[in-house]
C-alpha atoms as a PDB file:
ATOM      1  CA  MET A   1     138.922 197.481  99.719  1.00  0.00           C
ATOM      2  CA  LYS A   2     135.461 198.609  99.356  1.00  0.00           C
ATOM      3  CA  LYS A   3     136.060 199.507  95.350  1.00  0.00           C
ATOM      4  CA  ASN A   4     137.389 195.629  95.152  1.00  0.00           C
ATOM      5  CA  ARG A   5     134.265 194.391  96.579  1.00  0.00           C
ATOM      6  CA  ILE A   6     131.743 196.076  94.408  1.00  0.00           C
ATOM      7  CA  LEU A   7     133.795 194.928  91.447  1.00  0.00           C
ATOM      8  CA  MET A   8     133.920 191.281  92.940  1.00  0.00           C
ATOM      9  CA  ILE A   9     129.724 191.466  93.267  1.00  0.00           C
ATOM     10  CA  PHE A  10     129.585 192.892  89.910  1.00  0.00           C
ATOM     11  CA  ALA A  11     131.591 189.993  88.393  1.00  0.00           C
ATOM     12  CA  LEU A  12     129.463 187.420  90.107  1.00  0.00           C
ATOM     13  CA  SER A  13     126.442 189.056  89.005  1.00  0.00           C
ATOM     14  CA  LEU A  14     127.414 188.893  85.253  1.00  0.00           C
ATOM     15  CA  ALA A  15     128.550 185.551  85.543  1.00  0.00           C
ATOM     16  CA  LEU A  16     124.946 184.630  86.866  1.00  0.00           C
ATOM     17  CA  ILE A  17     123.155 186.641  84.031  1.00  0.00           C
ATOM     18  CA  LEU A  18     125.294 184.895  81.443  1.00  0.00           C
ATOM     19  CA  LEU A  19     124.413 181.353  82.956  1.00  0.00           C
ATOM     20  CA  ILE A  20     120.872 181.899  83.126  1.00  0.00           C
ATOM     21  CA  SER A  21     120.897 183.479  79.472  1.00  0.00           C
ATOM     22  CA  ALA A  22     122.711 179.919  78.457  1.00  0.00           C
ATOM     23  CA  CYS A  23     120.105 177.788  79.653  1.00  0.00           C
ATOM     24  CA  GLU A  24     116.814 179.363  78.260  1.00  0.00           C
ATOM     25  CA  MET A  25     118.414 179.793  74.359  1.00  0.00           C
ATOM     26  CA  PRO A  26     117.137 176.793  72.143  1.00  0.00           C
ATOM     27  CA  THR A  27     119.515 174.139  71.079  1.00  0.00           C
ATOM     28  CA  LYS A  28     119.993 173.849  67.416  1.00  0.00           C
ATOM     29  CA  LYS A  29     119.934 169.978  66.164  1.00  0.00           C
ATOM     30  CA  PRO A  30     122.434 169.225  63.950  1.00  0.00           C
ATOM     31  CA  THR A  31     121.471 168.240  60.185  1.00  0.00           C
ATOM     32  CA  PRO A  32     121.538 164.659  59.892  1.00  0.00           C
ATOM     33  CA  SER A  33     123.478 162.991  57.455  1.00  0.00           C
ATOM     34  CA  PRO A  34     122.128 160.698  54.707  1.00  0.00           C
ATOM     35  CA  ALA A  35     123.539 157.566  56.474  1.00  0.00           C
ATOM     36  CA  ASP A  36     121.688 158.368  59.550  1.00  0.00           C
ATOM     37  CA  VAL A  37     118.460 159.008  57.488  1.00  0.00           C
ATOM     38  CA  VAL A  38     118.703 155.776  56.278  1.00  0.00           C
ATOM     39  CA  PHE A  39     119.468 154.355  59.621  1.00  0.00           C
ATOM     40  CA  GLU A  40     116.555 155.808  61.166  1.00  0.00           C
ATOM     41  CA  THR A  41     113.940 154.604  58.302  1.00  0.00           C
ATOM     42  CA  ALA A  42     115.054 150.867  58.698  1.00  0.00           C
ATOM     43  CA  GLN A  43     114.785 151.266  62.477  1.00  0.00           C
ATOM     44  CA  ALA A  44     111.147 152.905  62.380  1.00  0.00           C
ATOM     45  CA  ALA A  45     110.258 149.987  59.940  1.00  0.00           C
ATOM     46  CA  ALA A  46     111.267 147.435  62.130  1.00  0.00           C
ATOM     47  CA  ALA A  47     109.690 148.742  64.978  1.00  0.00           C
ATOM     48  CA  GLY A  48     106.389 148.811  63.324  1.00  0.00           C
ATOM     49  CA  THR A  49     106.817 145.365  61.991  1.00  0.00           C
ATOM     50  CA  LEU A  50     107.556 144.199  65.402  1.00  0.00           C
ATOM     51  CA  THR A  51     104.648 146.103  66.809  1.00  0.00           C
ATOM     52  CA  GLN A  52     102.376 144.147  64.404  1.00  0.00           C
ATOM     53  CA  GLN A  53     103.516 140.836  65.337  1.00  0.00           C
ATOM     54  CA  ALA A  54     103.214 141.862  69.084  1.00  0.00           C
ATOM     55  CA  ASN A  55      99.738 142.516  68.356  1.00  0.00           C
ATOM     56  CA  LEU A  56      99.140 138.966  66.575  1.00  0.00           C
ATOM     57  CA  VAL A  57     100.505 137.541  69.331  1.00  0.00           C
ATOM     58  CA  PRO A  58      97.569 136.456  71.875  1.00  0.00           C
ATOM     59  CA  SER A  59      98.024 137.699  75.370  1.00  0.00           C
ATOM     60  CA  GLN A  60      99.785 135.148  77.815  1.00  0.00           C
ATOM     61  CA  THR A  61      96.798 133.586  79.355  1.00  0.00           C
ATOM     62  CA  THR A  62      96.758 130.476  81.748  1.00  0.00           C
ATOM     63  CA  ALA A  63      96.083 127.378  79.505  1.00  0.00           C
ATOM     64  CA  PRO A  64      93.202 124.877  80.604  1.00  0.00           C
ATOM     65  CA  ILE A  65      94.281 121.903  82.222  1.00  0.00           C
ATOM     66  CA  LEU A  66      93.031 118.838  80.102  1.00  0.00           C
ATOM     67  CA  THR A  67      92.011 115.579  82.171  1.00  0.00           C
ATOM     68  CA  ASN A  68      91.767 112.059  80.721  1.00  0.00           C
ATOM     69  CA  THR A  69      88.533 111.707  82.467  1.00  0.00           C
ATOM     70  CA  VAL A  70      86.256 109.278  79.928  1.00  0.00           C
ATOM     71  CA  PRO A  71      82.530 109.008  80.432  1.00  0.00           C
ATOM     72  CA  GLU A  72      81.477 105.603  81.788  1.00  0.00           C
ATOM     73  CA  ILE A  73      79.645 103.785  78.727  1.00  0.00           C
ATOM     74  CA  THR A  74      77.428 100.893  79.491  1.00  0.00           C
ATOM     75  CA  LEU A  75      77.068  98.695  76.427  1.00  0.00           C
ATOM     76  CA  ALA A  76      73.834  96.698  76.001  1.00  0.00           C
ATOM     77  CA  PRO A  77      74.135  93.158  74.652  1.00  0.00           C
ATOM     78  CA  PRO A  78      73.893  93.055  71.189  1.00  0.00           C
ATOM     79  CA  THR A  79      70.527  91.719  69.445  1.00  0.00           C
ATOM     80  CA  PRO A  80      70.583  88.999  67.150  1.00  0.00           C
ATOM     81  CA  ASN A  81      69.256  89.906  63.778  1.00  0.00           C
ATOM     82  CA  LYS A  82      67.589  86.567  63.591  1.00  0.00           C
ATOM     83  CA  PRO A  83      64.609  85.408  66.118  1.00  0.00           C
ATOM     84  CA  MET A  84      65.831  83.032  68.841  1.00  0.00           C
ATOM     85  CA  VAL A  85      64.615  82.016  71.840  1.00  0.00           C
ATOM     86  CA  SER A  86      65.580  81.073  75.639  1.00  0.00           C
ATOM     87  CA  VAL A  87      63.937  79.558  78.604  1.00  0.00           C
ATOM     88  CA  SER A  88      64.044  80.040  82.178  1.00  0.00           C
ATOM     89  CA  LYS A  89      63.297  76.243  82.940  1.00  0.00           C
ATOM     90  CA  GLU A  90      64.452  73.148  81.048  1.00  0.00           C
ATOM     91  CA  THR A  91      61.632  72.705  78.568  1.00  0.00           C
ATOM     92  CA  ASN A  92      61.021  69.430  76.220  1.00  0.00           C
ATOM     93  CA  CYS A  93      60.827  69.797  72.785  1.00  0.00           C
ATOM     94  CA  ARG A  94      58.562  67.493  70.681  1.00  0.00           C
ATOM     95  CA  VAL A  95      57.683  66.340  67.138  1.00  0.00           C
ATOM     96  CA  GLY A  96      54.188  68.296  67.331  1.00  0.00           C
ATOM     97  CA  PRO A  97      53.007  71.199  69.526  1.00  0.00           C
ATOM     98  CA  ASP A  98      51.518  68.947  72.219  1.00  0.00           C
ATOM     99  CA  THR A  99      52.640  66.843  75.016  1.00  0.00           C
ATOM    100  CA  SER A 100      51.248  63.707  73.230  1.00  0.00           C
ATOM    101  CA  PHE A 101      53.805  63.895  70.795  1.00  0.00           C
ATOM    102  CA  GLN A 102      57.126  62.061  70.652  1.00  0.00           C
ATOM    103  CA  LEU A 103      59.858  63.582  72.494  1.00  0.00           C
ATOM    104  CA  LEU A 104      62.879  64.633  70.559  1.00  0.00           C
ATOM    105  CA  GLY A 105      64.800  66.785  73.088  1.00  0.00           C
ATOM    106  CA  GLY A 106      64.857  69.808  75.150  1.00  0.00           C
ATOM    107  CA  LEU A 107      66.291  73.391  75.399  1.00  0.00           C
ATOM    108  CA  LEU A 108      68.228  74.291  78.631  1.00  0.00           C
ATOM    109  CA  PRO A 109      68.505  77.569  80.739  1.00  0.00           C
ATOM    110  CA  GLY A 110      71.431  79.530  78.921  1.00  0.00           C
ATOM    111  CA  VAL A 111      70.983  78.292  75.640  1.00  0.00           C
ATOM    112  CA  MET A 112      69.581  80.445  72.544  1.00  0.00           C
ATOM    113  CA  ALA A 113      67.901  78.378  69.508  1.00  0.00           C
ATOM    114  CA  ASP A 114      66.754  79.473  66.354  1.00  0.00           C
ATOM    115  CA  VAL A 115      63.216  80.327  65.684  1.00  0.00           C
ATOM    116  CA  VAL A 116      61.730  79.118  62.655  1.00  0.00           C
ATOM    117  CA  ALA A 117      57.967  79.403  63.060  1.00  0.00           C
ATOM    118  CA  LEU A 118      54.977  79.521  65.300  1.00  0.00           C
ATOM    119  CA  ASP A 119      52.034  77.525  66.089  1.00  0.00           C
ATOM    120  CA  THR A 120      48.787  79.463  65.220  1.00  0.00           C
ATOM    121  CA  SER A 121      47.914  79.651  69.029  1.00  0.00           C
ATOM    122  CA  GLY A 122      51.360  81.200  69.465  1.00  0.00           C
ATOM    123  CA  GLN A 123      51.955  78.981  72.479  1.00  0.00           C
ATOM    124  CA  TYR A 124      54.755  77.085  70.590  1.00  0.00           C
ATOM    125  CA  TYR A 125      57.610  77.514  69.012  1.00  0.00           C
ATOM    126  CA  TYR A 126      59.194  75.471  65.847  1.00  0.00           C
ATOM    127  CA  ILE A 127      62.767  75.784  66.468  1.00  0.00           C
ATOM    128  CA  ARG A 128      66.198  73.961  65.594  1.00  0.00           C
ATOM    129  CA  ASN A 129      66.570  71.095  67.743  1.00  0.00           C
ATOM    130  CA  PRO A 130      69.552  71.708  70.199  1.00  0.00           C
ATOM    131  CA  GLN A 131      70.312  67.923  70.377  1.00  0.00           C
ATOM    132  CA  ASP A 132      69.997  67.695  66.632  1.00  0.00           C
ATOM    133  CA  THR A 133      70.691  70.855  64.803  1.00  0.00           C
ATOM    134  CA  GLN A 134      69.903  69.216  61.210  1.00  0.00           C
ATOM    135  CA  ASN A 135      66.246  68.959  62.428  1.00  0.00           C
ATOM    136  CA  PHE A 136      63.466  70.851  64.349  1.00  0.00           C
ATOM    137  CA  CYS A 137      60.815  70.498  67.054  1.00  0.00           C
ATOM    138  CA  TRP A 138      58.302  72.361  68.748  1.00  0.00           C
ATOM    139  CA  LEU A 139      58.949  73.991  72.040  1.00  0.00           C
ATOM    140  CA  TRP A 140      56.550  74.745  74.622  1.00  0.00           C
ATOM    141  CA  GLY A 141      56.363  78.579  75.029  1.00  0.00           C
ATOM    142  CA  TYR A 142      55.634  78.908  79.047  1.00  0.00           C
ATOM    143  CA  TYR A 143      59.186  79.247  80.144  1.00  0.00           C
ATOM    144  CA  ALA A 144      60.302  80.820  77.102  1.00  0.00           C
ATOM    145  CA  THR A 145      61.749  84.418  75.877  1.00  0.00           C
ATOM    146  CA  LEU A 146      61.717  85.319  72.244  1.00  0.00           C
ATOM    147  CA  VAL A 147      64.775  87.404  71.373  1.00  0.00           C
ATOM    148  CA  GLY A 148      64.820  89.530  68.224  1.00  0.00           C
ATOM    149  CA  ASP A 149      62.001  90.571  65.888  1.00  0.00           C
ATOM    150  CA  GLY A 150      59.480  87.612  65.637  1.00  0.00           C
ATOM    151  CA  SER A 151      56.639  89.647  63.836  1.00  0.00           C
ATOM    152  CA  ASN A 152      57.426  88.201  60.283  1.00  0.00           C
ATOM    153  CA  LEU A 153      57.620  84.545  61.737  1.00  0.00           C
ATOM    154  CA  PRO A 154      55.348  82.180  59.719  1.00  0.00           C
ATOM    155  CA  ARG A 155      52.324  80.153  61.570  1.00  0.00           C
ATOM    156  CA  PHE A 156      52.569  76.778  60.935  1.00  0.00           C
ATOM    157  CA  THR A 157      49.355  74.948  61.366  1.00  0.00           C
ATOM    158  CA  PRO A 158      50.064  71.795  63.487  1.00  0.00           C
ATOM    159  CA  MET A 159      49.428  68.458  62.573  1.00  0.00           C
ATOM    160  CA  PRO A 160      46.646  66.769  64.516  1.00  0.00           C
ATOM    161  CA  THR A 161      47.145  66.074  67.897  1.00  0.00           C
ATOM    162  CA  SER A 162      48.573  62.599  68.391  1.00  0.00           C
ATOM    163  CA  THR A 163      46.316  59.651  69.429  1.00  0.00           C
ATOM    164  CA  ILE A 164      48.100  57.524  71.265  1.00  0.00           C
ATOM    165  CA  THR A 165      46.681  53.784  70.250  1.00  0.00           C
ATOM    166  CA  ILE A 166      47.052  51.715  73.348  1.00  0.00           C
ATOM    167  CA  THR A 167      47.463  48.221  72.257  1.00  0.00           C
ATOM    168  CA  PRO A 168      45.997  45.647  74.685  1.00  0.00           C
ATOM    169  CA  THR A 169      48.695  43.333  76.551  1.00  0.00           C
ATOM    170  CA  PRO A 170      47.471  39.771  74.954  1.00  0.00           C
ATOM    171  CA  VAL A 171      46.133  37.853  77.672  1.00  0.00           C
ATOM    172  CA  PRO A 172      46.267  33.945  77.469  1.00  0.00           C
ATOM    173  CA  ASN A 173      43.397  31.906  78.509  1.00  0.00           C
ATOM    174  CA  PHE A 174      41.643  28.542  77.964  1.00  0.00           C
ATOM    175  CA  SER A 175      39.143  26.413  78.933  1.00  0.00           C
ATOM    176  CA  PHE A 176      38.098  22.557  79.305  1.00  0.00           C
ATOM    177  CA  LEU A 177      35.164  21.653  76.902  1.00  0.00           C
ATOM    178  CA  SER A 178      35.472  17.860  77.570  1.00  0.00           C
ATOM    179  CA  GLN A 179      37.321  14.959  79.216  1.00  0.00           C
ATOM    180  CA  GLU A 180      36.980  11.338  78.701  1.00  0.00           C
ATOM    181  CA  MET A 181      38.858   8.288  78.696  1.00  0.00           C
ATOM    182  CA  ASP A 182      40.515   6.543  75.553  1.00  0.00           C
ATOM    183  CA  GLY A 183      42.675   3.596  74.993  1.00  0.00           C
ATOM    184  CA  CYS A 184      44.858   1.762  72.619  1.00  0.00           C
ATOM    185  CA  VAL A 185      47.260  -0.534  74.367  1.00  0.00           C
ATOM    186  CA  GLY A 186      46.040   1.007  77.994  1.00  0.00           C
ATOM    187  CA  SER A 187      43.773   3.630  79.094  1.00  0.00           C
ATOM    188  CA  PHE A 188      44.755   7.082  79.249  1.00  0.00           C
ATOM    189  CA  VAL A 189      42.772  10.423  79.486  1.00  0.00           C
ATOM    190  CA  GLU A 190      41.810  12.670  76.458  1.00  0.00           C
ATOM    191  CA  VAL A 191      40.983  16.218  76.962  1.00  0.00           C
ATOM    192  CA  SER A 192      39.568  18.920  74.593  1.00  0.00           C
ATOM    193  CA  VAL A 193      40.300  22.520  75.207  1.00  0.00           C
ATOM    194  CA  LYS A 194      39.318  25.837  73.775  1.00  0.00           C
ATOM    195  CA  ASN A 195      41.781  28.990  73.125  1.00  0.00           C
ATOM    196  CA  THR A 196      39.532  31.734  75.093  1.00  0.00           C
ATOM    197  CA  GLY A 197      42.604  34.252  75.266  1.00  0.00           C
ATOM    198  CA  SER A 198      44.101  36.434  72.944  1.00  0.00           C
ATOM    199  CA  THR A 199      47.427  34.797  72.561  1.00  0.00           C
ATOM    200  CA  ILE A 200      48.241  31.823  70.504  1.00  0.00           C
ATOM    201  CA  TRP A 201      49.006  28.387  72.119  1.00  0.00           C
ATOM    202  CA  SER A 202      51.609  26.322  70.516  1.00  0.00           C
ATOM    203  CA  SER A 203      52.538  23.377  72.759  1.00  0.00           C
ATOM    204  CA  GLY A 204      50.688  21.639  75.641  1.00  0.00           C
ATOM    205  CA  SER A 205      51.226  18.790  78.186  1.00  0.00           C
ATOM    206  CA  VAL A 206      49.121  16.705  80.362  1.00  0.00           C
ATOM    207  CA  ILE A 207      49.405  14.672  83.586  1.00  0.00           C
ATOM    208  CA  THR A 208      46.958  12.833  85.089  1.00  0.00           C
ATOM    209  CA  LYS A 209      46.302  11.227  88.889  1.00  0.00           C
ATOM    210  CA  ASP A 210      44.345   8.773  89.991  1.00  0.00           C
ATOM    211  CA  THR A 211      43.149  10.550  93.189  1.00  0.00           C
ATOM    212  CA  GLU A 212      42.204   7.276  94.827  1.00  0.00           C
ATOM    213  CA  THR A 213      45.168   5.196  94.256  1.00  0.00           C
ATOM    214  CA  ASN A 214      47.335   8.439  94.192  1.00  0.00           C
ATOM    215  CA  PHE A 215      48.934   6.944  91.030  1.00  0.00           C
ATOM    216  CA  VAL A 216      50.674   9.815  88.703  1.00  0.00           C
ATOM    217  CA  THR A 217      51.153   9.177  85.025  1.00  0.00           C
ATOM    218  CA  SER A 218      54.065  10.571  83.376  1.00  0.00           C
ATOM    219  CA  GLU A 219      53.908  14.058  81.487  1.00  0.00           C
ATOM    220  CA  THR A 220      52.881  13.985  78.019  1.00  0.00           C
ATOM    221  CA  LYS A 221      54.201  16.498  75.839  1.00  0.00           C
ATOM    222  CA  SER A 222      53.240  17.765  72.474  1.00  0.00           C
ATOM    223  CA  ASP A 223      53.723  20.753  69.830  1.00  0.00           C
ATOM    224  CA  ASP A 224      50.265  19.683  67.888  1.00  0.00           C
ATOM    225  CA  PHE A 225      46.970  19.313  68.903  1.00  0.00           C
ATOM    226  CA  TYR A 226      44.650  16.503  67.618  1.00  0.00           C
ATOM    227  CA  GLU A 227      42.277  14.057  68.665  1.00  0.00           C
ATOM    228  CA  VAL A 228      42.269  10.314  68.659  1.00  0.00           C
ATOM    229  CA  ASN A 229      40.019   7.536  68.495  1.00  0.00           C
ATOM    230  CA  GLY A 230      41.757   4.237  69.937  1.00  0.00           C
ATOM    231  CA  CYS A 231      45.123   4.021  68.127  1.00  0.00           C
ATOM    232  CA  LEU A 232      43.972   6.197  65.353  1.00  0.00           C
ATOM    233  CA  TYR A 233      44.002  10.006  64.632  1.00  0.00           C
ATOM    234  CA  ALA A 234      40.413  11.171  64.618  1.00  0.00           C
ATOM    235  CA  SER A 235      40.949  14.552  63.109  1.00  0.00           C
ATOM    236  CA  PRO A 236      43.662  16.749  61.561  1.00  0.00           C
ATOM    237  CA  ILE A 237      46.724  17.543  63.421  1.00  0.00           C
ATOM    238  CA  GLN A 238      47.120  21.396  64.306  1.00  0.00           C
ATOM    239  CA  GLY A 239      50.169  23.147  64.622  1.00  0.00           C
ATOM    240  CA  ASP A 240      48.873  25.838  67.262  1.00  0.00           C
ATOM    241  CA  LEU A 241      45.641  27.081  68.758  1.00  0.00           C
ATOM    242  CA  ALA A 242      44.669  30.519  67.735  1.00  0.00           C
ATOM    243  CA  PRO A 243      41.945  32.153  69.661  1.00  0.00           C
ATOM    244  CA  GLY A 244      38.537  30.576  69.393  1.00  0.00           C
ATOM    245  CA  GLU A 245      40.049  27.373  68.219  1.00  0.00           C
ATOM    246  CA  ILE A 246      39.572  23.925  69.847  1.00  0.00           C
ATOM    247  CA  GLY A 247      41.988  21.410  70.165  1.00  0.00           C
ATOM    248  CA  PHE A 248      43.069  17.923  71.715  1.00  0.00           C
ATOM    249  CA  LEU A 249      45.604  16.366  74.150  1.00  0.00           C
ATOM    250  CA  GLN A 250      45.828  13.023  75.564  1.00  0.00           C
ATOM    251  CA  GLY A 251      47.591  11.824  78.820  1.00  0.00           C
ATOM    252  CA  SER A 252      49.628   8.796  79.554  1.00  0.00           C
ATOM    253  CA  ASP A 253      48.490   5.310  80.198  1.00  0.00           C
ATOM    254  CA  PHE A 254      47.451   4.349  83.711  1.00  0.00           C
ATOM    255  CA  ASN A 255      48.641   1.128  85.110  1.00  0.00           C
ATOM    256  CA  ALA A 256      45.643  -0.381  86.263  1.00  0.00           C
ATOM    257  CA  PRO A 257      41.848   0.259  85.782  1.00  0.00           C
ATOM    258  CA  VAL A 258      40.394   3.557  87.011  1.00  0.00           C
ATOM    259  CA  ALA A 259      36.633   3.230  86.490  1.00  0.00           C
ATOM    260  CA  GLY A 260      34.688   4.834  89.340  1.00  0.00           C
ATOM    261  CA  HIS A 261      37.861   6.554  90.639  1.00  0.00           C
ATOM    262  CA  PRO A 262      38.310  10.356  90.698  1.00  0.00           C
ATOM    263  CA  ILE A 263      41.105  11.519  88.123  1.00  0.00           C
ATOM    264  CA  LEU A 264      42.688  14.754  88.493  1.00  0.00           C
ATOM    265  CA  VAL A 265      44.036  16.078  85.038  1.00  0.00           C
ATOM    266  CA  THR A 266      46.400  18.982  85.079  1.00  0.00           C
ATOM    267  CA  VAL A 267      46.830  20.624  81.550  1.00  0.00           C
ATOM    268  CA  LYS A 268      49.304  23.159  80.593  1.00  0.00           C
ATOM    269  CA  LEU A 269      49.596  25.312  77.558  1.00  0.00           C
ATOM    270  CA  CYS A 270      52.397  27.442  76.213  1.00  0.00           C
ATOM    271  CA  THR A 271      52.747  30.265  73.476  1.00  0.00           C
ATOM    272  CA  GLU A 272      56.028  28.552  72.241  1.00  0.00           C
ATOM    273  CA  ASN A 273      56.899  25.245  71.283  1.00  0.00           C
ATOM    274  CA  LEU A 274      58.590  22.857  73.630  1.00  0.00           C
ATOM    275  CA  LEU A 275      56.363  24.325  76.393  1.00  0.00           C
ATOM    276  CA  ALA A 276      58.436  27.626  76.257  1.00  0.00           C
ATOM    277  CA  GLY A 277      57.148  31.376  76.130  1.00  0.00           C
ATOM    278  CA  THR A 278      54.163  32.083  78.407  1.00  0.00           C
ATOM    279  CA  CYS A 279      52.335  29.182  79.875  1.00  0.00           C
ATOM    280  CA  MET A 280      49.346  28.884  81.753  1.00  0.00           C
ATOM    281  CA  THR A 281      48.033  25.469  83.785  1.00  0.00           C
ATOM    282  CA  LYS A 282      44.887  24.485  84.734  1.00  0.00           C
ATOM    283  CA  GLU A 283      43.151  21.440  86.398  1.00  0.00           C
ATOM    284  CA  ILE A 284      40.030  19.646  86.468  1.00  0.00           C
ATOM    285  CA  THR A 285      38.625  16.551  88.139  1.00  0.00           C
ATOM    286  CA  PHE A 286      36.008  14.182  86.490  1.00  0.00           C
ATOM    287  CA  THR A 287      35.322  10.497  87.284  1.00  0.00           C
ATOM    288  CA  PRO A 288      35.082   7.886  84.209  1.00  0.00           C
END
């Protein structure tokens, strides 16, 4: 019994030693076949290629987020190449650079006009007339603003200041020179008058009145001026009375003697025939 136990222990020890020895012995690698060598070489080459490509690929990083924000740009209004002018208040445009010249038009606020030249004082612009673009006029520069480069604008010497000629209004007038009684069939009054005004008298009339009897003769009308002596003409016939000239007019016959009676003579002269146009009436009293 004891002998069997010893043999069992010995057998177990031997098995343990053999097991340990087997673990420590180097394992001999098998010699690869030619096919295995080709496969392993191709595998290594592929691995190297993939490694190189991996090195070329950038690392994955978070891409920046792009926004569509557009910067705000303020555009300035285009500046015209040619000089132009505008006004802040309606301004007249005239034949010459002075208020005495004839008015041709005007420039309104908000309207631009081409500038052609300046006057030598720089106070007026010579512009294309906004109301007549085929012609030009002078614009006062007080309310004006020049837009564009005006440094090369020519300087015009303005024409002499317009001289306003005031034509006096013709003033009609006349005066009595003489009055007397004359007669042919009956007695009548003849008066001489002088043109003391600046108009031409072309016709006249006479009315006479006996202020003692209140008899009034009928009105005589004439487009001519002449003197009579009785029933005859005593002077050439005048078709009108120019300023400074003298002419004669006659009244109608009285129906009775008027010697010693105050006679009122009313004379009317007119600038046109048939007692038309501008007329003036005057009276004079005399006693024959």
